Amino acid sequence: MSNDSTPHAPGNGANQAGSSFSSLKPPLTIQEQRERLQERGLDLCGIADVDVDSFLASNNYYRISGYWLTFFDRSAGRFIRGARIADIMDIMAFDSTLRRLVSSMIEPLEIKLRTVFAYHMSHMQGPEAYRNPRLFRNERAFSRSQEEIDRAIRNGQRAMVPCVVHNMRKYGRLPVWALVEVLSFGVVSKMYGNLADRSLSRAIASEFHASATLLKSWMEYLVYIRNICAHYDRLYNRIFTKRPRFLEVDRRLFSERDDMDAERVFGTFVILRRLYERYDPERWLTFLHNVQNLARRYPNVALSPLGFPSDWFESLIFQNAEDDSDTD
């Protein structure tokens, strides 16, 4: 990567004939980016210029800016006193590992949803019930899912995916247990959420010891979180735009404590806890210890921007969820 190839400053939009948009600012070289950070008060001491330049050359300036929000005074246009680039690097390293840990907990749930969706649909409605519009509530959502299904089958054939090639050659269509292997987590979760057959949606939800209403919300929310992680986007100091439903006992907990934030990643942890407490409690405890070790590895990384309370570990140990008002 050349030192003059990284764009930096934002504009208000591209200049177009007859528009009132401002011109885009020129890009900054890597050296100019480093100098801009110093001018705005970021302490680069302890990190050689060549290492700072390598860091900037490997990480888009705008990507880095998302991680320095807790150190930046927007009103003054400067970093707060004592802000160090080493701290920003630590936050980014922390966030990278946290994404991998969270992803590792979503993966088994995605696989389980695919599995139980196919199992109960095929046994209760037939191997090709996903083509039956009467099985789903919203016609437009059903049509979109059919388009996604057809696209997934075409892509599977082009990629020579064995379960697709075998079934299409022999039967000319896919049974649902083969289909779920080539559908995205998002499509499967939306199909589940659109089910009109309450007995089927409840049977699937029972595998997660949840109501159908909660499972719909939780899976669609986890798709959102998974996509953030898969695209290496930021979890740290982020307010999520998609909000899940919570058990009443968890809603009360959030309302009673000002140091817990359901709109940040702590809310994700609460959802994951509920899904794992009966499914795989040992995996959940291992995950908590891994996060605890991560926090110890980066002692200068504050956990409050994640919505974590000071007693976050204890608060995420399994508790009885006897009060579930979100019944179907």
C-alpha atoms as a PDB file:
ATOM      1  CA  MET A   1       0.000   0.000   0.000  1.00  0.00           C
ATOM      2  CA  SER A   2       1.461   3.369  -0.951  1.00  0.00           C
ATOM      3  CA  ASN A   3       1.488   6.163   1.605  1.00  0.00           C
ATOM      4  CA  ASP A   4      -0.723   8.410  -0.479  1.00  0.00           C
ATOM      5  CA  SER A   5      -3.511   5.958  -1.234  1.00  0.00           C
ATOM      6  CA  THR A   6      -5.596   6.169   1.925  1.00  0.00           C
ATOM      7  CA  PRO A   7      -8.516   8.632   1.797  1.00  0.00           C
ATOM      8  CA  HIS A   8      -9.167  10.536   4.958  1.00  0.00           C
ATOM      9  CA  ALA A   9     -11.554  13.391   5.387  1.00  0.00           C
ATOM     10  CA  PRO A  10     -15.297  13.214   4.647  1.00  0.00           C
ATOM     11  CA  GLY A  11     -17.216  15.489   2.374  1.00  0.00           C
ATOM     12  CA  ASN A  12     -20.894  16.321   2.191  1.00  0.00           C
ATOM     13  CA  GLY A  13     -21.409  14.514  -1.100  1.00  0.00           C
ATOM     14  CA  ALA A  14     -20.078  14.453  -4.638  1.00  0.00           C
ATOM     15  CA  ASN A  15     -20.230  17.647  -6.648  1.00  0.00           C
ATOM     16  CA  GLN A  16     -22.936  17.421  -9.274  1.00  0.00           C
ATOM     17  CA  ALA A  17     -24.118  19.905 -11.864  1.00  0.00           C
ATOM     18  CA  GLY A  18     -26.456  22.384 -10.207  1.00  0.00           C
ATOM     19  CA  SER A  19     -25.876  20.981  -6.698  1.00  0.00           C
ATOM     20  CA  SER A  20     -24.855  22.939  -3.618  1.00  0.00           C
ATOM     21  CA  PHE A  21     -22.622  20.196  -2.229  1.00  0.00           C
ATOM     22  CA  SER A  22     -19.128  21.086  -1.094  1.00  0.00           C
ATOM     23  CA  SER A  23     -16.134  19.562  -2.815  1.00  0.00           C
ATOM     24  CA  LEU A  24     -14.643  16.472  -1.200  1.00  0.00           C
ATOM     25  CA  LYS A  25     -11.534  17.156   0.818  1.00  0.00           C
ATOM     26  CA  PRO A  26      -8.287  15.829  -0.640  1.00  0.00           C
ATOM     27  CA  PRO A  27      -6.904  12.570   0.760  1.00  0.00           C
ATOM     28  CA  LEU A  28      -4.126  12.629   3.305  1.00  0.00           C
ATOM     29  CA  THR A  29      -0.936  10.641   2.976  1.00  0.00           C
ATOM     30  CA  ILE A  30      -0.024   8.276   5.799  1.00  0.00           C
ATOM     31  CA  GLN A  31       2.499  10.815   7.082  1.00  0.00           C
ATOM     32  CA  GLU A  32      -0.129  13.562   6.970  1.00  0.00           C
ATOM     33  CA  GLN A  33      -2.564  11.347   8.878  1.00  0.00           C
ATOM     34  CA  ARG A  34       0.059  10.809  11.592  1.00  0.00           C
ATOM     35  CA  GLU A  35       0.737  14.530  11.772  1.00  0.00           C
ATOM     36  CA  ARG A  36      -2.989  15.281  11.959  1.00  0.00           C
ATOM     37  CA  LEU A  37      -3.330  12.972  14.962  1.00  0.00           C
ATOM     38  CA  GLN A  38      -0.440  14.710  16.686  1.00  0.00           C
ATOM     39  CA  GLU A  39      -1.872  18.148  15.913  1.00  0.00           C
ATOM     40  CA  ARG A  40      -5.128  17.096  17.564  1.00  0.00           C
ATOM     41  CA  GLY A  41      -3.321  16.080  20.732  1.00  0.00           C
ATOM     42  CA  LEU A  42      -2.918  12.309  20.435  1.00  0.00           C
ATOM     43  CA  ASP A  43       0.162  11.076  22.283  1.00  0.00           C
ATOM     44  CA  LEU A  44       2.281   8.954  19.940  1.00  0.00           C
ATOM     45  CA  CYS A  45       5.134   8.552  22.430  1.00  0.00           C
ATOM     46  CA  GLY A  46       6.434   5.036  22.838  1.00  0.00           C
ATOM     47  CA  ILE A  47       5.490   4.064  19.293  1.00  0.00           C
ATOM     48  CA  ALA A  48       8.042   4.676  16.547  1.00  0.00           C
ATOM     49  CA  ASP A  49       6.884   6.730  13.571  1.00  0.00           C
ATOM     50  CA  VAL A  50       7.450   3.758  11.297  1.00  0.00           C
ATOM     51  CA  ASP A  51       5.160   1.628  13.480  1.00  0.00           C
ATOM     52  CA  VAL A  52       2.486   4.320  13.585  1.00  0.00           C
ATOM     53  CA  ASP A  53       2.703   4.602   9.800  1.00  0.00           C
ATOM     54  CA  SER A  54       2.416   0.823   9.451  1.00  0.00           C
ATOM     55  CA  PHE A  55      -0.651   0.891  11.719  1.00  0.00           C
ATOM     56  CA  LEU A  56      -2.265   3.646   9.663  1.00  0.00           C
ATOM     57  CA  ALA A  57      -1.394   1.893   6.412  1.00  0.00           C
ATOM     58  CA  SER A  58      -3.090  -1.287   7.624  1.00  0.00           C
ATOM     59  CA  ASN A  59      -6.184   0.292   9.170  1.00  0.00           C
ATOM     60  CA  ASN A  60      -8.388   2.838   7.444  1.00  0.00           C
ATOM     61  CA  TYR A  61      -8.312   6.204   9.210  1.00  0.00           C
ATOM     62  CA  TYR A  62     -12.103   6.189   9.525  1.00  0.00           C
ATOM     63  CA  ARG A  63     -12.037   2.705  11.012  1.00  0.00           C
ATOM     64  CA  ILE A  64      -9.579   3.862  13.659  1.00  0.00           C
ATOM     65  CA  SER A  65     -11.673   6.957  14.393  1.00  0.00           C
ATOM     66  CA  GLY A  66     -14.520   4.756  15.637  1.00  0.00           C
ATOM     67  CA  TYR A  67     -12.219   3.419  18.345  1.00  0.00           C
ATOM     68  CA  TRP A  68     -10.978   6.758  19.606  1.00  0.00           C
ATOM     69  CA  LEU A  69     -14.433   8.164  20.382  1.00  0.00           C
ATOM     70  CA  THR A  70     -13.933   7.703  24.127  1.00  0.00           C
ATOM     71  CA  PHE A  71     -10.730   9.777  23.910  1.00  0.00           C
ATOM     72  CA  PHE A  72     -11.959  12.571  21.649  1.00  0.00           C
ATOM     73  CA  ASP A  73     -13.625  15.860  22.574  1.00  0.00           C
ATOM     74  CA  ARG A  74     -15.803  16.624  19.569  1.00  0.00           C
ATOM     75  CA  SER A  75     -16.679  20.115  20.732  1.00  0.00           C
ATOM     76  CA  ALA A  76     -13.004  21.043  20.883  1.00  0.00           C
ATOM     77  CA  GLY A  77     -11.982  18.947  17.893  1.00  0.00           C
ATOM     78  CA  ARG A  78      -9.132  17.482  19.927  1.00  0.00           C
ATOM     79  CA  PHE A  79      -8.183  14.411  21.893  1.00  0.00           C
ATOM     80  CA  ILE A  80      -8.581  14.642  25.641  1.00  0.00           C
ATOM     81  CA  ARG A  81      -5.439  15.121  27.693  1.00  0.00           C
ATOM     82  CA  GLY A  82      -3.485  11.897  28.112  1.00  0.00           C
ATOM     83  CA  ALA A  83      -5.009  10.096  25.108  1.00  0.00           C
ATOM     84  CA  ARG A  84      -2.448   7.691  23.654  1.00  0.00           C
ATOM     85  CA  ILE A  85      -2.334   5.862  20.367  1.00  0.00           C
ATOM     86  CA  ALA A  86      -1.239   2.771  22.313  1.00  0.00           C
ATOM     87  CA  ASP A  87      -4.623   2.780  24.084  1.00  0.00           C
ATOM     88  CA  ILE A  88      -6.463   2.962  20.763  1.00  0.00           C
ATOM     89  CA  MET A  89      -4.395   0.049  19.466  1.00  0.00           C
ATOM     90  CA  ASP A  90      -5.290  -1.952  22.577  1.00  0.00           C
ATOM     91  CA  ILE A  91      -9.013  -1.246  22.144  1.00  0.00           C
ATOM     92  CA  MET A  92      -8.853  -2.407  18.529  1.00  0.00           C
ATOM     93  CA  ALA A  93      -7.006  -5.597  19.495  1.00  0.00           C
ATOM     94  CA  PHE A  94      -9.501  -6.191  22.318  1.00  0.00           C
ATOM     95  CA  ASP A  95     -12.438  -5.656  19.966  1.00  0.00           C
ATOM     96  CA  SER A  96     -11.006  -8.014  17.356  1.00  0.00           C
ATOM     97  CA  THR A  97     -10.766 -10.856  19.873  1.00  0.00           C
ATOM     98  CA  LEU A  98     -14.181 -10.032  21.332  1.00  0.00           C
ATOM     99  CA  ARG A  99     -15.748 -10.319  17.855  1.00  0.00           C
ATOM    100  CA  ARG A 100     -14.231 -13.766  17.431  1.00  0.00           C
ATOM    101  CA  LEU A 101     -15.475 -14.878  20.840  1.00  0.00           C
ATOM    102  CA  VAL A 102     -19.012 -13.617  20.215  1.00  0.00           C
ATOM    103  CA  SER A 103     -19.035 -15.197  16.741  1.00  0.00           C
ATOM    104  CA  SER A 104     -17.962 -18.508  18.234  1.00  0.00           C
ATOM    105  CA  MET A 105     -21.071 -18.443  20.440  1.00  0.00           C
ATOM    106  CA  ILE A 106     -23.469 -17.528  17.643  1.00  0.00           C
ATOM    107  CA  GLU A 107     -22.235 -20.252  15.290  1.00  0.00           C
ATOM    108  CA  PRO A 108     -23.655 -23.253  17.242  1.00  0.00           C
ATOM    109  CA  LEU A 109     -27.004 -21.467  17.581  1.00  0.00           C
ATOM    110  CA  GLU A 110     -27.146 -20.806  13.840  1.00  0.00           C
ATOM    111  CA  ILE A 111     -26.421 -24.461  13.096  1.00  0.00           C
ATOM    112  CA  LYS A 112     -29.017 -25.565  15.648  1.00  0.00           C
ATOM    113  CA  LEU A 113     -31.690 -23.297  14.146  1.00  0.00           C
ATOM    114  CA  ARG A 114     -31.030 -24.706  10.670  1.00  0.00           C
ATOM    115  CA  THR A 115     -31.235 -28.224  12.073  1.00  0.00           C
ATOM    116  CA  VAL A 116     -34.431 -27.954  14.120  1.00  0.00           C
ATOM    117  CA  PHE A 117     -36.148 -25.792  11.474  1.00  0.00           C
ATOM    118  CA  ALA A 118     -35.595 -28.500   8.868  1.00  0.00           C
ATOM    119  CA  TYR A 119     -36.381 -31.364  11.235  1.00  0.00           C
ATOM    120  CA  HIS A 120     -39.712 -30.076  12.517  1.00  0.00           C
ATOM    121  CA  MET A 121     -40.862 -28.635   9.193  1.00  0.00           C
ATOM    122  CA  SER A 122     -40.182 -31.872   7.331  1.00  0.00           C
ATOM    123  CA  HIS A 123     -41.821 -34.071   9.970  1.00  0.00           C
ATOM    124  CA  MET A 124     -44.844 -31.838  10.554  1.00  0.00           C
ATOM    125  CA  GLN A 125     -45.467 -30.436   7.067  1.00  0.00           C
ATOM    126  CA  GLY A 126     -43.333 -32.375   4.584  1.00  0.00           C
ATOM    127  CA  PRO A 127     -39.867 -32.153   2.964  1.00  0.00           C
ATOM    128  CA  GLU A 128     -40.849 -29.340   0.575  1.00  0.00           C
ATOM    129  CA  ALA A 129     -43.197 -27.407   2.857  1.00  0.00           C
ATOM    130  CA  TYR A 130     -41.054 -24.289   2.510  1.00  0.00           C
ATOM    131  CA  ARG A 131     -42.726 -23.828  -0.916  1.00  0.00           C
ATOM    132  CA  ASN A 132     -46.220 -23.721   0.613  1.00  0.00           C
ATOM    133  CA  PRO A 133     -47.418 -20.089   0.929  1.00  0.00           C
ATOM    134  CA  ARG A 134     -50.196 -21.106   3.338  1.00  0.00           C
ATOM    135  CA  LEU A 135     -47.540 -22.035   5.868  1.00  0.00           C
ATOM    136  CA  PHE A 136     -46.385 -18.417   6.128  1.00  0.00           C
ATOM    137  CA  ARG A 137     -48.085 -15.226   7.301  1.00  0.00           C
ATOM    138  CA  ASN A 138     -46.734 -12.444   5.125  1.00  0.00           C
ATOM    139  CA  GLU A 139     -47.055 -12.936   1.366  1.00  0.00           C
ATOM    140  CA  ARG A 140     -44.354 -10.436   0.427  1.00  0.00           C
ATOM    141  CA  ALA A 141     -41.899 -11.904   2.914  1.00  0.00           C
ATOM    142  CA  PHE A 142     -42.727 -15.357   1.558  1.00  0.00           C
ATOM    143  CA  SER A 143     -42.018 -14.179  -2.005  1.00  0.00           C
ATOM    144  CA  ARG A 144     -38.676 -12.714  -0.953  1.00  0.00           C
ATOM    145  CA  SER A 145     -37.729 -15.969   0.749  1.00  0.00           C
ATOM    146  CA  GLN A 146     -38.588 -17.906  -2.403  1.00  0.00           C
ATOM    147  CA  GLU A 147     -36.296 -15.649  -4.414  1.00  0.00           C
ATOM    148  CA  GLU A 148     -33.512 -16.255  -1.896  1.00  0.00           C
ATOM    149  CA  ILE A 149     -34.150 -19.991  -2.045  1.00  0.00           C
ATOM    150  CA  ASP A 150     -33.998 -20.074  -5.839  1.00  0.00           C
ATOM    151  CA  ARG A 151     -30.790 -18.021  -5.785  1.00  0.00           C
ATOM    152  CA  ALA A 152     -29.211 -20.307  -3.203  1.00  0.00           C
ATOM    153  CA  ILE A 153     -30.065 -23.375  -5.284  1.00  0.00           C
ATOM    154  CA  ARG A 154     -28.570 -21.822  -8.439  1.00  0.00           C
ATOM    155  CA  ASN A 155     -25.430 -20.826  -6.568  1.00  0.00           C
ATOM    156  CA  GLY A 156     -25.196 -24.292  -5.052  1.00  0.00           C
ATOM    157  CA  GLN A 157     -25.404 -25.888  -8.461  1.00  0.00           C
ATOM    158  CA  ARG A 158     -22.733 -23.588  -9.881  1.00  0.00           C
ATOM    159  CA  ALA A 159     -20.478 -24.279  -6.914  1.00  0.00           C
ATOM    160  CA  MET A 160     -21.169 -28.013  -7.200  1.00  0.00           C
ATOM    161  CA  VAL A 161     -22.333 -28.277  -3.594  1.00  0.00           C
ATOM    162  CA  PRO A 162     -22.874 -32.062  -3.196  1.00  0.00           C
ATOM    163  CA  CYS A 163     -26.241 -31.955  -1.396  1.00  0.00           C
ATOM    164  CA  VAL A 164     -27.616 -29.577  -4.025  1.00  0.00           C
ATOM    165  CA  VAL A 165     -26.226 -31.392  -7.060  1.00  0.00           C
ATOM    166  CA  HIS A 166     -27.385 -34.807  -5.827  1.00  0.00           C
ATOM    167  CA  ASN A 167     -30.954 -33.761  -5.027  1.00  0.00           C
ATOM    168  CA  MET A 168     -31.435 -31.612  -8.116  1.00  0.00           C
ATOM    169  CA  ARG A 169     -30.184 -34.385 -10.395  1.00  0.00           C
ATOM    170  CA  LYS A 170     -32.263 -37.070  -8.721  1.00  0.00           C
ATOM    171  CA  TYR A 171     -35.424 -35.192  -7.678  1.00  0.00           C
ATOM    172  CA  GLY A 172     -35.279 -31.816  -9.409  1.00  0.00           C
ATOM    173  CA  ARG A 173     -35.799 -30.038  -6.051  1.00  0.00           C
ATOM    174  CA  LEU A 174     -34.364 -29.909  -2.555  1.00  0.00           C
ATOM    175  CA  PRO A 175     -35.816 -31.286   0.658  1.00  0.00           C
ATOM    176  CA  VAL A 176     -35.706 -28.742   3.450  1.00  0.00           C
ATOM    177  CA  TRP A 177     -32.915 -30.595   5.266  1.00  0.00           C
ATOM    178  CA  ALA A 178     -30.643 -30.054   2.251  1.00  0.00           C
ATOM    179  CA  LEU A 179     -31.898 -26.537   1.599  1.00  0.00           C
ATOM    180  CA  VAL A 180     -30.937 -25.180   5.017  1.00  0.00           C
ATOM    181  CA  GLU A 181     -27.311 -26.064   4.297  1.00  0.00           C
ATOM    182  CA  VAL A 182     -27.135 -23.472   1.526  1.00  0.00           C
ATOM    183  CA  LEU A 183     -29.395 -20.764   2.953  1.00  0.00           C
ATOM    184  CA  SER A 184     -27.959 -17.912   4.981  1.00  0.00           C
ATOM    185  CA  PHE A 185     -28.657 -17.567   8.685  1.00  0.00           C
ATOM    186  CA  GLY A 186     -30.646 -14.434   7.866  1.00  0.00           C
ATOM    187  CA  VAL A 187     -32.969 -16.169   5.417  1.00  0.00           C
ATOM    188  CA  VAL A 188     -33.637 -19.083   7.772  1.00  0.00           C
ATOM    189  CA  SER A 189     -34.357 -16.736  10.679  1.00  0.00           C
ATOM    190  CA  LYS A 190     -36.766 -14.658   8.568  1.00  0.00           C
ATOM    191  CA  MET A 191     -38.555 -17.780   7.340  1.00  0.00           C
ATOM    192  CA  TYR A 192     -38.937 -18.914  10.922  1.00  0.00           C
ATOM    193  CA  GLY A 193     -40.250 -15.500  11.944  1.00  0.00           C
ATOM    194  CA  ASN A 194     -42.805 -15.603   9.126  1.00  0.00           C
ATOM    195  CA  LEU A 195     -44.281 -18.976  10.024  1.00  0.00           C
ATOM    196  CA  ALA A 196     -48.061 -18.957  10.342  1.00  0.00           C
ATOM    197  CA  ASP A 197     -48.214 -22.508  11.709  1.00  0.00           C
ATOM    198  CA  ARG A 198     -48.074 -21.897  15.447  1.00  0.00           C
ATOM    199  CA  SER A 199     -47.570 -25.544  16.300  1.00  0.00           C
ATOM    200  CA  LEU A 200     -44.527 -25.637  14.035  1.00  0.00           C
ATOM    201  CA  SER A 201     -43.033 -22.378  15.337  1.00  0.00           C
ATOM    202  CA  ARG A 202     -43.565 -23.544  18.917  1.00  0.00           C
ATOM    203  CA  ALA A 203     -41.981 -26.934  18.236  1.00  0.00           C
ATOM    204  CA  ILE A 204     -38.864 -25.206  16.898  1.00  0.00           C
ATOM    205  CA  ALA A 205     -38.768 -22.722  19.782  1.00  0.00           C
ATOM    206  CA  SER A 206     -39.083 -25.528  22.322  1.00  0.00           C
ATOM    207  CA  GLU A 207     -35.681 -26.792  21.201  1.00  0.00           C
ATOM    208  CA  PHE A 208     -34.262 -23.533  22.558  1.00  0.00           C
ATOM    209  CA  HIS A 209     -36.480 -23.550  25.679  1.00  0.00           C
ATOM    210  CA  ALA A 210     -38.006 -20.257  24.531  1.00  0.00           C
ATOM    211  CA  SER A 211     -41.316 -18.950  23.319  1.00  0.00           C
ATOM    212  CA  ALA A 212     -41.748 -18.535  19.569  1.00  0.00           C
ATOM    213  CA  THR A 213     -42.034 -14.766  20.047  1.00  0.00           C
ATOM    214  CA  LEU A 214     -38.719 -14.568  21.874  1.00  0.00           C
ATOM    215  CA  LEU A 215     -36.924 -16.957  19.542  1.00  0.00           C
ATOM    216  CA  LYS A 216     -37.965 -14.913  16.504  1.00  0.00           C
ATOM    217  CA  SER A 217     -36.586 -11.757  18.099  1.00  0.00           C
ATOM    218  CA  TRP A 218     -33.413 -13.394  19.382  1.00  0.00           C
ATOM    219  CA  MET A 219     -32.481 -15.079  16.115  1.00  0.00           C
ATOM    220  CA  GLU A 220     -33.086 -11.982  14.003  1.00  0.00           C
ATOM    221  CA  TYR A 221     -31.012  -9.997  16.493  1.00  0.00           C
ATOM    222  CA  LEU A 222     -28.176 -12.541  16.418  1.00  0.00           C
ATOM    223  CA  VAL A 223     -28.153 -12.377  12.611  1.00  0.00           C
ATOM    224  CA  TYR A 224     -27.547  -8.634  12.983  1.00  0.00           C
ATOM    225  CA  ILE A 225     -24.728  -9.165  15.511  1.00  0.00           C
ATOM    226  CA  ARG A 226     -23.215 -11.977  13.448  1.00  0.00           C
ATOM    227  CA  ASN A 227     -23.099  -9.752  10.378  1.00  0.00           C
ATOM    228  CA  ILE A 228     -21.323  -7.036  12.337  1.00  0.00           C
ATOM    229  CA  CYS A 229     -18.731  -9.577  13.452  1.00  0.00           C
ATOM    230  CA  ALA A 230     -18.412 -11.181  10.009  1.00  0.00           C
ATOM    231  CA  HIS A 231     -17.650  -7.798   8.434  1.00  0.00           C
ATOM    232  CA  TYR A 232     -15.080  -6.987  11.135  1.00  0.00           C
ATOM    233  CA  ASP A 233     -17.139  -4.043  12.281  1.00  0.00           C
ATOM    234  CA  ARG A 234     -16.898  -2.488  15.722  1.00  0.00           C
ATOM    235  CA  LEU A 235     -18.565  -3.882  18.840  1.00  0.00           C
ATOM    236  CA  TYR A 236     -16.737  -1.575  21.232  1.00  0.00           C
ATOM    237  CA  ASN A 237     -18.566   1.605  22.258  1.00  0.00           C
ATOM    238  CA  ARG A 238     -21.386   0.913  19.826  1.00  0.00           C
ATOM    239  CA  ILE A 239     -25.101   1.465  20.296  1.00  0.00           C
ATOM    240  CA  PHE A 240     -26.918  -1.176  18.265  1.00  0.00           C
ATOM    241  CA  THR A 241     -29.785  -0.059  16.069  1.00  0.00           C
ATOM    242  CA  LYS A 242     -31.557  -3.421  16.274  1.00  0.00           C
ATOM    243  CA  ARG A 243     -33.048  -4.202  19.667  1.00  0.00           C
ATOM    244  CA  PRO A 244     -34.070  -7.668  20.878  1.00  0.00           C
ATOM    245  CA  ARG A 245     -36.909  -8.591  23.176  1.00  0.00           C
ATOM    246  CA  PHE A 246     -35.868  -9.643  26.655  1.00  0.00           C
ATOM    247  CA  LEU A 247     -37.383 -11.861  29.295  1.00  0.00           C
ATOM    248  CA  GLU A 248     -39.325  -9.832  31.817  1.00  0.00           C
ATOM    249  CA  VAL A 249     -36.770 -10.664  34.520  1.00  0.00           C
ATOM    250  CA  ASP A 250     -34.013  -9.226  32.329  1.00  0.00           C
ATOM    251  CA  ARG A 251     -36.041  -6.153  31.387  1.00  0.00           C
ATOM    252  CA  ARG A 252     -36.520  -5.433  35.079  1.00  0.00           C
ATOM    253  CA  LEU A 253     -32.804  -5.846  35.716  1.00  0.00           C
ATOM    254  CA  PHE A 254     -31.912  -3.325  33.017  1.00  0.00           C
ATOM    255  CA  SER A 255     -34.509  -0.861  34.305  1.00  0.00           C
ATOM    256  CA  GLU A 256     -33.224  -1.164  37.869  1.00  0.00           C
ATOM    257  CA  ARG A 257     -29.535  -0.662  37.091  1.00  0.00           C
ATOM    258  CA  ASP A 258     -28.107   2.431  35.448  1.00  0.00           C
ATOM    259  CA  ASP A 259     -24.714   0.793  34.906  1.00  0.00           C
ATOM    260  CA  MET A 260     -26.096  -1.850  32.499  1.00  0.00           C
ATOM    261  CA  ASP A 261     -26.861  -0.936  28.909  1.00  0.00           C
ATOM    262  CA  ALA A 262     -29.144  -3.236  26.886  1.00  0.00           C
ATOM    263  CA  GLU A 263     -28.446  -1.264  23.707  1.00  0.00           C
ATOM    264  CA  ARG A 264     -24.754  -2.140  23.743  1.00  0.00           C
ATOM    265  CA  VAL A 265     -23.027  -5.493  23.505  1.00  0.00           C
ATOM    266  CA  PHE A 266     -23.946  -6.394  27.090  1.00  0.00           C
ATOM    267  CA  GLY A 267     -27.489  -6.916  25.816  1.00  0.00           C
ATOM    268  CA  THR A 268     -26.088  -9.486  23.371  1.00  0.00           C
ATOM    269  CA  PHE A 269     -24.464 -11.306  26.267  1.00  0.00           C
ATOM    270  CA  VAL A 270     -27.800 -11.444  28.107  1.00  0.00           C
ATOM    271  CA  ILE A 271     -29.511 -12.997  25.065  1.00  0.00           C
ATOM    272  CA  LEU A 272     -26.699 -15.511  24.601  1.00  0.00           C
ATOM    273  CA  ARG A 273     -26.880 -16.440  28.281  1.00  0.00           C
ATOM    274  CA  ARG A 274     -30.576 -17.247  27.986  1.00  0.00           C
ATOM    275  CA  LEU A 275     -30.012 -19.385  24.899  1.00  0.00           C
ATOM    276  CA  TYR A 276     -27.137 -21.322  26.465  1.00  0.00           C
ATOM    277  CA  GLU A 277     -28.383 -21.807  30.017  1.00  0.00           C
ATOM    278  CA  ARG A 278     -30.160 -25.068  29.136  1.00  0.00           C
ATOM    279  CA  TYR A 279     -28.467 -25.835  25.821  1.00  0.00           C
ATOM    280  CA  ASP A 280     -24.767 -25.874  26.789  1.00  0.00           C
ATOM    281  CA  PRO A 281     -24.019 -24.243  30.163  1.00  0.00           C
ATOM    282  CA  GLU A 282     -20.403 -25.444  30.180  1.00  0.00           C
ATOM    283  CA  ARG A 283     -19.712 -23.690  26.883  1.00  0.00           C
ATOM    284  CA  TRP A 284     -21.230 -20.505  28.303  1.00  0.00           C
ATOM    285  CA  LEU A 285     -19.010 -20.560  31.388  1.00  0.00           C
ATOM    286  CA  THR A 286     -15.946 -21.181  29.224  1.00  0.00           C
ATOM    287  CA  PHE A 287     -16.945 -18.199  27.097  1.00  0.00           C
ATOM    288  CA  LEU A 288     -17.314 -15.973  30.164  1.00  0.00           C
ATOM    289  CA  HIS A 289     -13.881 -16.992  31.402  1.00  0.00           C
ATOM    290  CA  ASN A 290     -12.403 -16.274  27.969  1.00  0.00           C
ATOM    291  CA  VAL A 291     -13.906 -12.787  28.021  1.00  0.00           C
ATOM    292  CA  GLN A 292     -12.648 -12.306  31.573  1.00  0.00           C
ATOM    293  CA  ASN A 293      -9.136 -13.303  30.489  1.00  0.00           C
ATOM    294  CA  LEU A 294      -9.379 -10.925  27.553  1.00  0.00           C
ATOM    295  CA  ALA A 295     -10.253  -8.056  29.881  1.00  0.00           C
ATOM    296  CA  ARG A 296      -7.292  -8.937  32.086  1.00  0.00           C
ATOM    297  CA  ARG A 297      -4.988  -8.963  29.061  1.00  0.00           C
ATOM    298  CA  TYR A 298      -6.016  -5.373  28.280  1.00  0.00           C
ATOM    299  CA  PRO A 299      -6.444  -3.753  31.710  1.00  0.00           C
ATOM    300  CA  ASN A 300      -6.501  -0.236  30.229  1.00  0.00           C
ATOM    301  CA  VAL A 301      -9.541  -1.003  28.054  1.00  0.00           C
ATOM    302  CA  ALA A 302     -12.652   0.205  29.848  1.00  0.00           C
ATOM    303  CA  LEU A 303     -15.637  -2.147  29.754  1.00  0.00           C
ATOM    304  CA  SER A 304     -18.294   0.492  30.431  1.00  0.00           C
ATOM    305  CA  PRO A 305     -18.471   1.455  26.701  1.00  0.00           C
ATOM    306  CA  LEU A 306     -19.658  -2.131  26.161  1.00  0.00           C
ATOM    307  CA  GLY A 307     -22.540  -1.556  28.572  1.00  0.00           C
ATOM    308  CA  PHE A 308     -20.864  -3.847  31.124  1.00  0.00           C
ATOM    309  CA  PRO A 309     -21.437  -3.213  34.831  1.00  0.00           C
ATOM    310  CA  SER A 310     -18.544  -3.668  37.248  1.00  0.00           C
ATOM    311  CA  ASP A 311     -19.966  -7.032  38.349  1.00  0.00           C
ATOM    312  CA  TRP A 312     -20.606  -8.187  34.786  1.00  0.00           C
ATOM    313  CA  PHE A 313     -19.170 -11.688  35.296  1.00  0.00           C
ATOM    314  CA  GLU A 314     -21.381 -12.435  38.298  1.00  0.00           C
ATOM    315  CA  SER A 315     -24.446 -10.927  36.635  1.00  0.00           C
ATOM    316  CA  LEU A 316     -24.024 -13.255  33.644  1.00  0.00           C
ATOM    317  CA  ILE A 317     -23.820 -16.442  35.659  1.00  0.00           C
ATOM    318  CA  PHE A 318     -26.978 -18.436  35.105  1.00  0.00           C
ATOM    319  CA  GLN A 319     -30.064 -17.355  36.999  1.00  0.00           C
ATOM    320  CA  ASN A 320     -33.528 -18.826  36.982  1.00  0.00           C
ATOM    321  CA  ALA A 321     -35.760 -17.339  34.296  1.00  0.00           C
ATOM    322  CA  GLU A 322     -39.038 -18.418  35.812  1.00  0.00           C
ATOM    323  CA  ASP A 323     -40.817 -15.237  34.736  1.00  0.00           C
ATOM    324  CA  ASP A 324     -41.369 -15.265  30.984  1.00  0.00           C
ATOM    325  CA  SER A 325     -44.321 -13.067  30.096  1.00  0.00           C
ATOM    326  CA  ASP A 326     -43.626 -13.392  26.371  1.00  0.00           C
ATOM    327  CA  THR A 327     -45.618 -16.546  25.923  1.00  0.00           C
ATOM    328  CA  ASP A 328     -47.279 -17.304  22.575  1.00  0.00           C
END
